Amino acid sequence: MNHKTHLSYSERGWTVIHQGSPLCDYKKTLGEAMQVVAHYKITLPEVTWNGDRGEWVTTSTIEVTA
């Protein structure tokens, strides 16, 4: 999968990635990362990159897989 803009999660926290570069520092919560998404008026895919696992996961189930 190749997404121009997406969420990324790891034990360090949440961040928003755009064309391979972070748009913000790591955030502690998904809600904080979503504030960045709202600020930039981004439409996200339904998947998040789980950096700890090295795989795409469905964002709506991230609590289960993170």
PDB file of N, CA and C in Angstrom:
ATOM      1  N   MET A   1       0.845  -1.181   0.000  1.00  0.00           N
ATOM      2  CA  MET A   1       0.000   0.000   0.000  1.00  0.00           C
ATOM      3  C   MET A   1       0.882   1.233   0.000  1.00  0.00           C
ATOM      4  N   ASN A   2       0.474   2.209  -0.749  1.00  0.00           N
ATOM      5  CA  ASN A   2       1.200   3.463  -0.778  1.00  0.00           C
ATOM      6  C   ASN A   2       0.192   4.589  -0.589  1.00  0.00           C
ATOM      7  N   HIS A   3       0.285   5.255   0.540  1.00  0.00           N
ATOM      8  CA  HIS A   3      -0.650   6.334   0.847  1.00  0.00           C
ATOM      9  C   HIS A   3       0.118   7.644   0.948  1.00  0.00           C
ATOM     10  N   LYS A   4      -0.342   8.653   0.224  1.00  0.00           N
ATOM     11  CA  LYS A   4       0.315   9.963   0.223  1.00  0.00           C
ATOM     12  C   LYS A   4       0.351  10.554   1.638  1.00  0.00           C
ATOM     13  N   THR A   5      -0.755  10.425   2.357  1.00  0.00           N
ATOM     14  CA  THR A   5      -0.849  10.912   3.733  1.00  0.00           C
ATOM     15  C   THR A   5      -1.525   9.843   4.575  1.00  0.00           C
ATOM     16  N   HIS A   6      -0.967   9.582   5.762  1.00  0.00           N
ATOM     17  CA  HIS A   6      -1.537   8.551   6.620  1.00  0.00           C
ATOM     18  C   HIS A   6      -1.107   8.760   8.073  1.00  0.00           C
ATOM     19  N   LEU A   7      -1.796   8.081   8.967  1.00  0.00           N
ATOM     20  CA  LEU A   7      -1.404   8.030  10.372  1.00  0.00           C
ATOM     21  C   LEU A   7      -0.346   6.957  10.552  1.00  0.00           C
ATOM     22  N   SER A   8       0.521   7.178  11.530  1.00  0.00           N
ATOM     23  CA  SER A   8       1.507   6.180  11.898  1.00  0.00           C
ATOM     24  C   SER A   8       1.515   6.056  13.412  1.00  0.00           C
ATOM     25  N   TYR A   9       1.594   4.820  13.899  1.00  0.00           N
ATOM     26  CA  TYR A   9       1.579   4.554  15.331  1.00  0.00           C
ATOM     27  C   TYR A   9       2.773   3.680  15.703  1.00  0.00           C
ATOM     28  N   SER A  10       3.376   3.980  16.849  1.00  0.00           N
ATOM     29  CA  SER A  10       4.414   3.108  17.431  1.00  0.00           C
ATOM     30  C   SER A  10       4.409   3.352  18.930  1.00  0.00           C
ATOM     31  N   GLU A  11       5.300   2.693  19.637  1.00  0.00           N
ATOM     32  CA  GLU A  11       5.351   2.901  21.081  1.00  0.00           C
ATOM     33  C   GLU A  11       5.711   4.348  21.421  1.00  0.00           C
ATOM     34  N   ARG A  12       6.279   5.080  20.473  1.00  0.00           N
ATOM     35  CA  ARG A  12       6.599   6.495  20.684  1.00  0.00           C
ATOM     36  C   ARG A  12       5.358   7.376  20.626  1.00  0.00           C
ATOM     37  N   GLY A  13       4.297   6.910  19.982  1.00  0.00           N
ATOM     38  CA  GLY A  13       3.059   7.658  19.886  1.00  0.00           C
ATOM     39  C   GLY A  13       2.531   7.695  18.467  1.00  0.00           C
ATOM     40  N   TRP A  14       1.709   8.703  18.200  1.00  0.00           N
ATOM     41  CA  TRP A  14       1.030   8.886  16.919  1.00  0.00           C
ATOM     42  C   TRP A  14       1.644  10.038  16.156  1.00  0.00           C
ATOM     43  N   THR A  15       1.691   9.929  14.844  1.00  0.00           N
ATOM     44  CA  THR A  15       2.098  11.049  14.005  1.00  0.00           C
ATOM     45  C   THR A  15       1.357  10.971  12.677  1.00  0.00           C
ATOM     46  N   VAL A  16       1.365  12.088  11.968  1.00  0.00           N
ATOM     47  CA  VAL A  16       0.742  12.162  10.650  1.00  0.00           C
ATOM     48  C   VAL A  16       1.880  12.266   9.635  1.00  0.00           C
ATOM     49  N   ILE A  17       1.883  11.365   8.664  1.00  0.00           N
ATOM     50  CA  ILE A  17       2.929  11.318   7.651  1.00  0.00           C
ATOM     51  C   ILE A  17       2.357  11.798   6.319  1.00  0.00           C
ATOM     52  N   HIS A  18       3.085  12.711   5.672  1.00  0.00           N
ATOM     53  CA  HIS A  18       2.686  13.201   4.349  1.00  0.00           C
ATOM     54  C   HIS A  18       3.882  13.077   3.417  1.00  0.00           C
ATOM     55  N   GLN A  19       3.733  12.310   2.368  1.00  0.00           N
ATOM     56  CA  GLN A  19       4.791  12.057   1.388  1.00  0.00           C
ATOM     57  C   GLN A  19       6.101  11.661   2.066  1.00  0.00           C
ATOM     58  N   GLY A  20       5.989  10.800   3.081  1.00  0.00           N
ATOM     59  CA  GLY A  20       7.156  10.245   3.751  1.00  0.00           C
ATOM     60  C   GLY A  20       7.726  11.078   4.881  1.00  0.00           C
ATOM     61  N   SER A  21       7.194  12.270   5.124  1.00  0.00           N
ATOM     62  CA  SER A  21       7.704  13.141   6.177  1.00  0.00           C
ATOM     63  C   SER A  21       6.618  13.408   7.216  1.00  0.00           C
ATOM     64  N   PRO A  22       6.989  13.483   8.494  1.00  0.00           N
ATOM     65  CA  PRO A  22       5.997  13.774   9.531  1.00  0.00           C
ATOM     66  C   PRO A  22       5.532  15.224   9.473  1.00  0.00           C
ATOM     67  N   LEU A  23       4.246  15.435   9.705  1.00  0.00           N
ATOM     68  CA  LEU A  23       3.686  16.784   9.768  1.00  0.00           C
ATOM     69  C   LEU A  23       3.692  17.337  11.189  1.00  0.00           C
ATOM     70  N   CYS A  24       4.051  16.480  12.168  1.00  0.00           N
ATOM     71  CA  CYS A  24       4.038  16.900  13.561  1.00  0.00           C
ATOM     72  C   CYS A  24       4.965  16.003  14.375  1.00  0.00           C
ATOM     73  N   ASP A  25       5.260  16.442  15.590  1.00  0.00           N
ATOM     74  CA  ASP A  25       5.976  15.584  16.530  1.00  0.00           C
ATOM     75  C   ASP A  25       5.042  14.459  16.952  1.00  0.00           C
ATOM     76  N   TYR A  26       5.599  13.432  17.590  1.00  0.00           N
ATOM     77  CA  TYR A  26       4.762  12.350  18.093  1.00  0.00           C
ATOM     78  C   TYR A  26       3.763  12.889  19.106  1.00  0.00           C
ATOM     79  N   LYS A  27       2.536  12.431  18.988  1.00  0.00           N
ATOM     80  CA  LYS A  27       1.455  12.787  19.904  1.00  0.00           C
ATOM     81  C   LYS A  27       1.149  11.593  20.794  1.00  0.00           C
ATOM     82  N   LYS A  28       0.715  11.864  22.016  1.00  0.00           N
ATOM     83  CA  LYS A  28       0.433  10.775  22.957  1.00  0.00           C
ATOM     84  C   LYS A  28      -0.848  10.018  22.626  1.00  0.00           C
ATOM     85  N   THR A  29      -1.805  10.706  22.013  1.00  0.00           N
ATOM     86  CA  THR A  29      -3.098  10.073  21.749  1.00  0.00           C
ATOM     87  C   THR A  29      -3.505  10.233  20.288  1.00  0.00           C
ATOM     88  N   LEU A  30      -4.402   9.360  19.871  1.00  0.00           N
ATOM     89  CA  LEU A  30      -4.978   9.463  18.529  1.00  0.00           C
ATOM     90  C   LEU A  30      -5.719  10.792  18.385  1.00  0.00           C
ATOM     91  N   GLY A  31      -6.401  11.220  19.424  1.00  0.00           N
ATOM     92  CA  GLY A  31      -7.133  12.484  19.383  1.00  0.00           C
ATOM     93  C   GLY A  31      -6.235  13.668  19.074  1.00  0.00           C
ATOM     94  N   GLU A  32      -5.042  13.686  19.671  1.00  0.00           N
ATOM     95  CA  GLU A  32      -4.096  14.771  19.399  1.00  0.00           C
ATOM     96  C   GLU A  32      -3.631  14.731  17.942  1.00  0.00           C
ATOM     97  N   ALA A  33      -3.389  13.534  17.429  1.00  0.00           N
ATOM     98  CA  ALA A  33      -2.989  13.400  16.026  1.00  0.00           C
ATOM     99  C   ALA A  33      -4.119  13.834  15.108  1.00  0.00           C
ATOM    100  N   MET A  34      -5.355  13.550  15.495  1.00  0.00           N
ATOM    101  CA  MET A  34      -6.497  13.937  14.674  1.00  0.00           C
ATOM    102  C   MET A  34      -6.687  15.451  14.649  1.00  0.00           C
ATOM    103  N   GLN A  35      -6.208  16.166  15.661  1.00  0.00           N
ATOM    104  CA  GLN A  35      -6.238  17.628  15.627  1.00  0.00           C
ATOM    105  C   GLN A  35      -5.324  18.145  14.518  1.00  0.00           C
ATOM    106  N   VAL A  36      -4.196  17.482  14.315  1.00  0.00           N
ATOM    107  CA  VAL A  36      -3.287  17.844  13.219  1.00  0.00           C
ATOM    108  C   VAL A  36      -3.974  17.571  11.877  1.00  0.00           C
ATOM    109  N   VAL A  37      -4.638  16.422  11.784  1.00  0.00           N
ATOM    110  CA  VAL A  37      -5.378  16.070  10.567  1.00  0.00           C
ATOM    111  C   VAL A  37      -6.422  17.143  10.263  1.00  0.00           C
ATOM    112  N   ALA A  38      -7.150  17.581  11.276  1.00  0.00           N
ATOM    113  CA  ALA A  38      -8.177  18.612  11.081  1.00  0.00           C
ATOM    114  C   ALA A  38      -7.539  19.942  10.669  1.00  0.00           C
ATOM    115  N   HIS A  39      -6.419  20.281  11.281  1.00  0.00           N
ATOM    116  CA  HIS A  39      -5.738  21.538  10.955  1.00  0.00           C
ATOM    117  C   HIS A  39      -5.359  21.603   9.471  1.00  0.00           C
ATOM    118  N   TYR A  40      -4.830  20.501   8.947  1.00  0.00           N
ATOM    119  CA  TYR A  40      -4.412  20.450   7.544  1.00  0.00           C
ATOM    120  C   TYR A  40      -5.533  20.036   6.591  1.00  0.00           C
ATOM    121  N   LYS A  41      -6.721  19.757   7.135  1.00  0.00           N
ATOM    122  CA  LYS A  41      -7.887  19.345   6.340  1.00  0.00           C
ATOM    123  C   LYS A  41      -7.559  18.125   5.469  1.00  0.00           C
ATOM    124  N   ILE A  42      -7.021  17.117   6.132  1.00  0.00           N
ATOM    125  CA  ILE A  42      -6.568  15.901   5.463  1.00  0.00           C
ATOM    126  C   ILE A  42      -7.677  14.854   5.454  1.00  0.00           C
ATOM    127  N   THR A  43      -7.780  14.136   4.361  1.00  0.00           N
ATOM    128  CA  THR A  43      -8.630  12.950   4.295  1.00  0.00           C
ATOM    129  C   THR A  43      -7.701  11.746   4.410  1.00  0.00           C
ATOM    130  N   LEU A  44      -7.919  10.943   5.431  1.00  0.00           N
ATOM    131  CA  LEU A  44      -7.051   9.796   5.694  1.00  0.00           C
ATOM    132  C   LEU A  44      -7.606   8.506   5.099  1.00  0.00           C
ATOM    133  N   PRO A  45      -6.715   7.575   4.768  1.00  0.00           N
ATOM    134  CA  PRO A  45      -7.178   6.238   4.387  1.00  0.00           C
ATOM    135  C   PRO A  45      -7.679   5.515   5.639  1.00  0.00           C
ATOM    136  N   GLU A  46      -8.311   4.392   5.469  1.00  0.00           N
ATOM    137  CA  GLU A  46      -8.867   3.647   6.602  1.00  0.00           C
ATOM    138  C   GLU A  46      -7.835   2.761   7.286  1.00  0.00           C
ATOM    139  N   VAL A  47      -6.561   2.960   6.955  1.00  0.00           N
ATOM    140  CA  VAL A  47      -5.498   2.171   7.570  1.00  0.00           C
ATOM    141  C   VAL A  47      -4.450   3.083   8.206  1.00  0.00           C
ATOM    142  N   THR A  48      -3.751   2.536   9.187  1.00  0.00           N
ATOM    143  CA  THR A  48      -2.677   3.213   9.901  1.00  0.00           C
ATOM    144  C   THR A  48      -1.443   2.343   9.836  1.00  0.00           C
ATOM    145  N   TRP A  49      -0.280   2.964   9.686  1.00  0.00           N
ATOM    146  CA  TRP A  49       0.966   2.210   9.709  1.00  0.00           C
ATOM    147  C   TRP A  49       1.335   1.934  11.160  1.00  0.00           C
ATOM    148  N   ASN A  50       1.437   0.661  11.530  1.00  0.00           N
ATOM    149  CA  ASN A  50       1.873   0.266  12.863  1.00  0.00           C
ATOM    150  C   ASN A  50       3.371   0.020  12.778  1.00  0.00           C
ATOM    151  N   GLY A  51       4.155   0.996  13.221  1.00  0.00           N
ATOM    152  CA  GLY A  51       5.600   0.915  13.133  1.00  0.00           C
ATOM    153  C   GLY A  51       6.205  -0.179  13.993  1.00  0.00           C
ATOM    154  N   ASP A  52       5.565  -0.515  15.097  1.00  0.00           N
ATOM    155  CA  ASP A  52       6.061  -1.582  15.963  1.00  0.00           C
ATOM    156  C   ASP A  52       5.949  -2.941  15.287  1.00  0.00           C
ATOM    157  N   ARG A  53       4.877  -3.126  14.532  1.00  0.00           N
ATOM    158  CA  ARG A  53       4.655  -4.402  13.859  1.00  0.00           C
ATOM    159  C   ARG A  53       5.138  -4.398  12.411  1.00  0.00           C
ATOM    160  N   GLY A  54       5.384  -3.203  11.864  1.00  0.00           N
ATOM    161  CA  GLY A  54       5.832  -3.104  10.477  1.00  0.00           C
ATOM    162  C   GLY A  54       4.770  -3.505   9.482  1.00  0.00           C
ATOM    163  N   GLU A  55       3.513  -3.110   9.766  1.00  0.00           N
ATOM    164  CA  GLU A  55       2.430  -3.471   8.856  1.00  0.00           C
ATOM    165  C   GLU A  55       1.285  -2.477   8.957  1.00  0.00           C
ATOM    166  N   TRP A  56       0.476  -2.454   7.908  1.00  0.00           N
ATOM    167  CA  TRP A  56      -0.735  -1.643   7.885  1.00  0.00           C
ATOM    168  C   TRP A  56      -1.804  -2.343   8.698  1.00  0.00           C
ATOM    169  N   VAL A  57      -2.547  -1.576   9.505  1.00  0.00           N
ATOM    170  CA  VAL A  57      -3.661  -2.107  10.273  1.00  0.00           C
ATOM    171  C   VAL A  57      -4.867  -1.197  10.077  1.00  0.00           C
ATOM    172  N   THR A  58      -6.037  -1.732  10.259  1.00  0.00           N
ATOM    173  CA  THR A  58      -7.256  -0.949  10.133  1.00  0.00           C
ATOM    174  C   THR A  58      -7.328   0.049  11.286  1.00  0.00           C
ATOM    175  N   THR A  59      -7.477   1.318  10.971  1.00  0.00           N
ATOM    176  CA  THR A  59      -7.455   2.369  11.992  1.00  0.00           C
ATOM    177  C   THR A  59      -8.534   2.161  13.031  1.00  0.00           C
ATOM    178  N   SER A  60      -9.716   1.740  12.640  1.00  0.00           N
ATOM    179  CA  SER A  60     -10.824   1.602  13.601  1.00  0.00           C
ATOM    180  C   SER A  60     -10.554   0.519  14.632  1.00  0.00           C
ATOM    181  N   THR A  61      -9.587  -0.372  14.381  1.00  0.00           N
ATOM    182  CA  THR A  61      -9.276  -1.435  15.344  1.00  0.00           C
ATOM    183  C   THR A  61      -7.867  -1.281  15.939  1.00  0.00           C
ATOM    184  N   ILE A  62      -7.296  -0.096  15.819  1.00  0.00           N
ATOM    185  CA  ILE A  62      -5.916   0.115  16.266  1.00  0.00           C
ATOM    186  C   ILE A  62      -5.732  -0.193  17.754  1.00  0.00           C
ATOM    187  N   GLU A  63      -6.748   0.044  18.586  1.00  0.00           N
ATOM    188  CA  GLU A  63      -6.615  -0.258  20.010  1.00  0.00           C
ATOM    189  C   GLU A  63      -6.335  -1.739  20.236  1.00  0.00           C
ATOM    190  N   VAL A  64      -6.890  -2.571  19.378  1.00  0.00           N
ATOM    191  CA  VAL A  64      -6.722  -4.020  19.489  1.00  0.00           C
ATOM    192  C   VAL A  64      -5.352  -4.438  18.989  1.00  0.00           C
ATOM    193  N   THR A  65      -4.868  -3.783  17.953  1.00  0.00           N
ATOM    194  CA  THR A  65      -3.637  -4.231  17.294  1.00  0.00           C
ATOM    195  C   THR A  65      -2.403  -3.466  17.724  1.00  0.00           C
ATOM    196  N   ALA A  66      -2.561  -2.324  18.352  1.00  0.00           N
ATOM    197  CA  ALA A  66      -1.391  -1.503  18.727  1.00  0.00           C
ATOM    198  C   ALA A  66      -0.709  -2.037  19.954  1.00  0.00           C
TER     199      ALA A  66
END
